[in-house]
Amino acid sequence: MNINEANKIFRKSIIKGFFEPELVNLDFKKSSVKHPSINDDGLMQSDLLHVFFDVDTGSDYPDADEWFIVELLFPHDVKLPDNLKGTDYFTTISVENGKTFWHHRELIRYKYGKSKKLDDALEFLESKYKELHSLLEPLQKDLK
C-alpha cells in the first residue's frame, strides 16, 4: 500500500469515526444533495449549506494523515452578492446541465505531530459552518 492509499484510509476513518458522529450530535443529518466531484455523502443542518469531506486532495503528502479538506457547498444556481464571493467566502463550482453552485473549501488540521486536536478542529468546522450559513440566510427567501 502506498502513502496515498494509506492516507485516504486514515482520513476516512477519522471522518467516519469522529467528525461525522460529532456533527450528527450537533443536529447535522445526511444531505440529500450529491456533490459534483466528491462521491461520499455529505451532512447538513439545512438545505442552504452542505458539508462534504475531500479525502483525495493532498493525500500524497507525507503529513496528509494530519489534515483533510472540508467543502461547504451551497447547492443553488443563483447569483450571490459580490460581498460573498472570493476565497474567504464562496467561489463557483460547475455542475451538470451548465449550472453553477457555490462552495467554500477549508483545510481542517486535526493533528499536529503527535498531538491530536480533534475537538479544536470540530469546533473550527462548526464555527465556519455557522458563519457561512448566516451569510446565506438572507438569500433563503429567493430560493423558493
Protein backbone atom coordinates (compact mmCIF):
# COMPACT_ATOMS: atom_id res chain seq x y z
CA MET A 1 0.00 0.00 0.00
CA ASN A 2 1.42 3.40 -0.94
CA ILE A 3 1.24 6.59 1.14
CA ASN A 4 -1.63 7.98 -0.95
CA GLU A 5 -3.86 4.95 -0.30
CA ALA A 6 -2.87 4.78 3.38
CA ASN A 7 -3.67 8.45 3.94
CA LYS A 8 -7.08 8.14 2.26
CA ILE A 9 -7.96 5.18 4.50
CA PHE A 10 -6.73 7.02 7.60
CA ARG A 11 -8.61 10.22 6.69
CA LYS A 12 -11.85 8.31 6.02
CA SER A 13 -11.58 6.52 9.36
CA ILE A 14 -11.10 9.81 11.24
CA ILE A 15 -14.06 11.34 9.39
CA LYS A 16 -16.36 8.31 9.83
CA GLY A 17 -15.23 7.58 13.39
CA PHE A 18 -15.12 11.10 14.80
CA PHE A 19 -16.24 14.03 12.66
CA GLU A 20 -19.47 12.61 11.23
CA PRO A 21 -20.79 11.24 14.56
CA GLU A 22 -19.90 14.50 16.32
CA LEU A 23 -21.64 16.56 13.63
CA VAL A 24 -24.73 14.33 13.96
CA ASN A 25 -24.63 15.13 17.70
CA LEU A 26 -24.75 18.81 16.65
CA ASP A 27 -28.01 18.24 14.73
CA PHE A 28 -26.49 17.60 11.32
CA LYS A 29 -28.18 14.98 9.19
CA LYS A 30 -27.43 13.20 5.94
CA SER A 31 -27.54 15.55 2.97
CA SER A 32 -29.91 14.87 0.10
CA VAL A 33 -27.53 16.71 -2.26
CA LYS A 34 -24.89 14.92 -4.31
CA HIS A 35 -21.58 16.73 -4.69
CA PRO A 36 -20.35 17.10 -8.29
CA SER A 37 -16.86 15.74 -7.54
CA ILE A 38 -16.94 14.06 -4.09
CA ASN A 39 -18.58 10.63 -4.10
CA ASP A 40 -19.25 10.29 -0.36
CA ASP A 41 -22.44 11.58 1.24
CA GLY A 42 -22.50 14.96 2.90
CA LEU A 43 -24.12 16.36 6.03
CA MET A 44 -26.30 19.41 6.58
CA GLN A 45 -28.28 21.31 9.17
CA SER A 46 -30.39 22.99 6.50
CA ASP A 47 -30.72 22.91 2.73
CA LEU A 48 -28.67 26.11 2.49
CA LEU A 49 -25.25 24.64 3.22
CA HIS A 50 -23.90 21.10 2.98
CA VAL A 51 -20.64 19.67 4.37
CA PHE A 52 -18.55 17.25 2.31
CA PHE A 53 -15.16 15.78 3.17
CA ASP A 54 -12.46 15.69 0.49
CA VAL A 55 -10.11 12.83 1.35
CA ASP A 56 -8.36 12.86 -2.04
CA THR A 57 -6.80 16.33 -2.23
CA GLY A 58 -3.26 16.26 -0.88
CA SER A 59 -3.40 12.62 0.19
CA ASP A 60 0.01 12.06 -1.41
CA TYR A 61 1.74 14.42 1.07
CA PRO A 62 3.76 12.82 3.88
CA ASP A 63 1.77 14.72 6.55
CA ALA A 64 -1.63 14.04 4.95
CA ASP A 65 -2.60 11.92 7.95
CA GLU A 66 -2.89 15.20 9.91
CA TRP A 67 -5.45 17.10 7.80
CA PHE A 68 -8.11 16.99 5.11
CA ILE A 69 -10.19 19.46 3.14
CA VAL A 70 -13.81 20.15 4.01
CA GLU A 71 -16.04 21.52 1.31
CA LEU A 72 -19.06 23.61 2.24
CA LEU A 73 -21.48 23.51 -0.69
CA PHE A 74 -24.28 25.99 -1.39
CA PRO A 75 -26.17 23.90 -3.99
CA HIS A 76 -28.22 26.62 -5.63
CA ASP A 77 -27.74 28.10 -9.08
CA VAL A 78 -28.25 31.73 -8.06
CA LYS A 79 -26.26 34.92 -8.25
CA LEU A 80 -24.51 35.74 -4.99
CA PRO A 81 -23.88 39.29 -3.81
CA ASP A 82 -20.31 40.43 -4.50
CA ASN A 83 -19.52 40.59 -0.77
CA LEU A 84 -19.98 36.78 -0.57
CA LYS A 85 -17.64 35.99 -3.46
CA GLY A 86 -13.94 35.23 -3.12
CA THR A 87 -11.64 32.80 -1.38
CA ASP A 88 -12.76 33.89 2.10
CA TYR A 89 -16.35 33.06 1.25
CA PHE A 90 -17.63 31.36 -1.92
CA THR A 91 -16.32 30.52 -5.36
CA THR A 92 -18.15 28.81 -8.18
CA ILE A 93 -18.21 25.11 -8.91
CA SER A 94 -19.63 23.77 -12.17
CA VAL A 95 -22.26 21.07 -12.09
CA GLU A 96 -24.14 19.25 -14.83
CA ASN A 97 -26.53 20.92 -17.26
CA GLY A 98 -24.50 24.13 -17.29
CA LYS A 99 -25.49 25.02 -13.73
CA THR A 100 -23.17 26.66 -11.23
CA PHE A 101 -23.21 26.07 -7.48
CA TRP A 102 -21.11 27.83 -4.86
CA HIS A 103 -18.58 26.30 -2.49
CA HIS A 104 -16.03 27.13 0.16
CA ARG A 105 -13.03 24.90 0.83
CA GLU A 106 -11.25 24.86 4.16
CA LEU A 107 -8.22 22.96 5.42
CA ILE A 108 -9.06 21.09 8.62
CA ARG A 109 -5.95 20.18 10.58
CA TYR A 110 -6.80 17.71 13.33
CA LYS A 111 -3.31 16.62 14.32
CA TYR A 112 -0.04 18.46 14.90
CA GLY A 113 2.80 15.96 15.02
CA LYS A 114 1.88 13.59 17.84
CA SER A 115 -0.73 15.92 19.35
CA LYS A 116 -4.33 15.30 18.28
CA LYS A 117 -6.61 18.34 18.15
CA LEU A 118 -9.87 16.70 17.10
CA ASP A 119 -12.11 18.81 19.34
CA ASP A 120 -10.44 22.04 18.18
CA ALA A 121 -10.87 21.00 14.55
CA LEU A 122 -14.54 20.15 15.12
CA GLU A 123 -15.12 23.49 16.85
CA PHE A 124 -13.50 25.31 13.93
CA LEU A 125 -15.60 23.39 11.39
CA GLU A 126 -18.81 24.12 13.29
CA SER A 127 -18.00 27.83 13.62
CA LYS A 128 -17.12 28.11 9.91
CA TYR A 129 -20.39 26.39 9.00
CA LYS A 130 -22.38 28.78 11.23
CA GLU A 131 -20.56 31.82 9.85
CA LEU A 132 -21.17 30.91 6.20
CA HIS A 133 -24.72 29.73 6.87
CA SER A 134 -25.62 33.05 8.50
CA LEU A 135 -24.29 34.90 5.44
CA LEU A 136 -26.53 32.81 3.19
CA GLU A 137 -29.71 33.09 5.29
CA PRO A 138 -30.85 36.38 3.67
CA LEU A 139 -30.88 34.56 0.31
CA GLN A 140 -33.22 31.83 1.55
CA LYS A 141 -36.37 33.70 0.52
CA ASP A 142 -35.12 33.84 -3.10
CA LEU A 143 -34.65 30.06 -3.29
CA LYS A 144 -38.31 29.09 -3.05
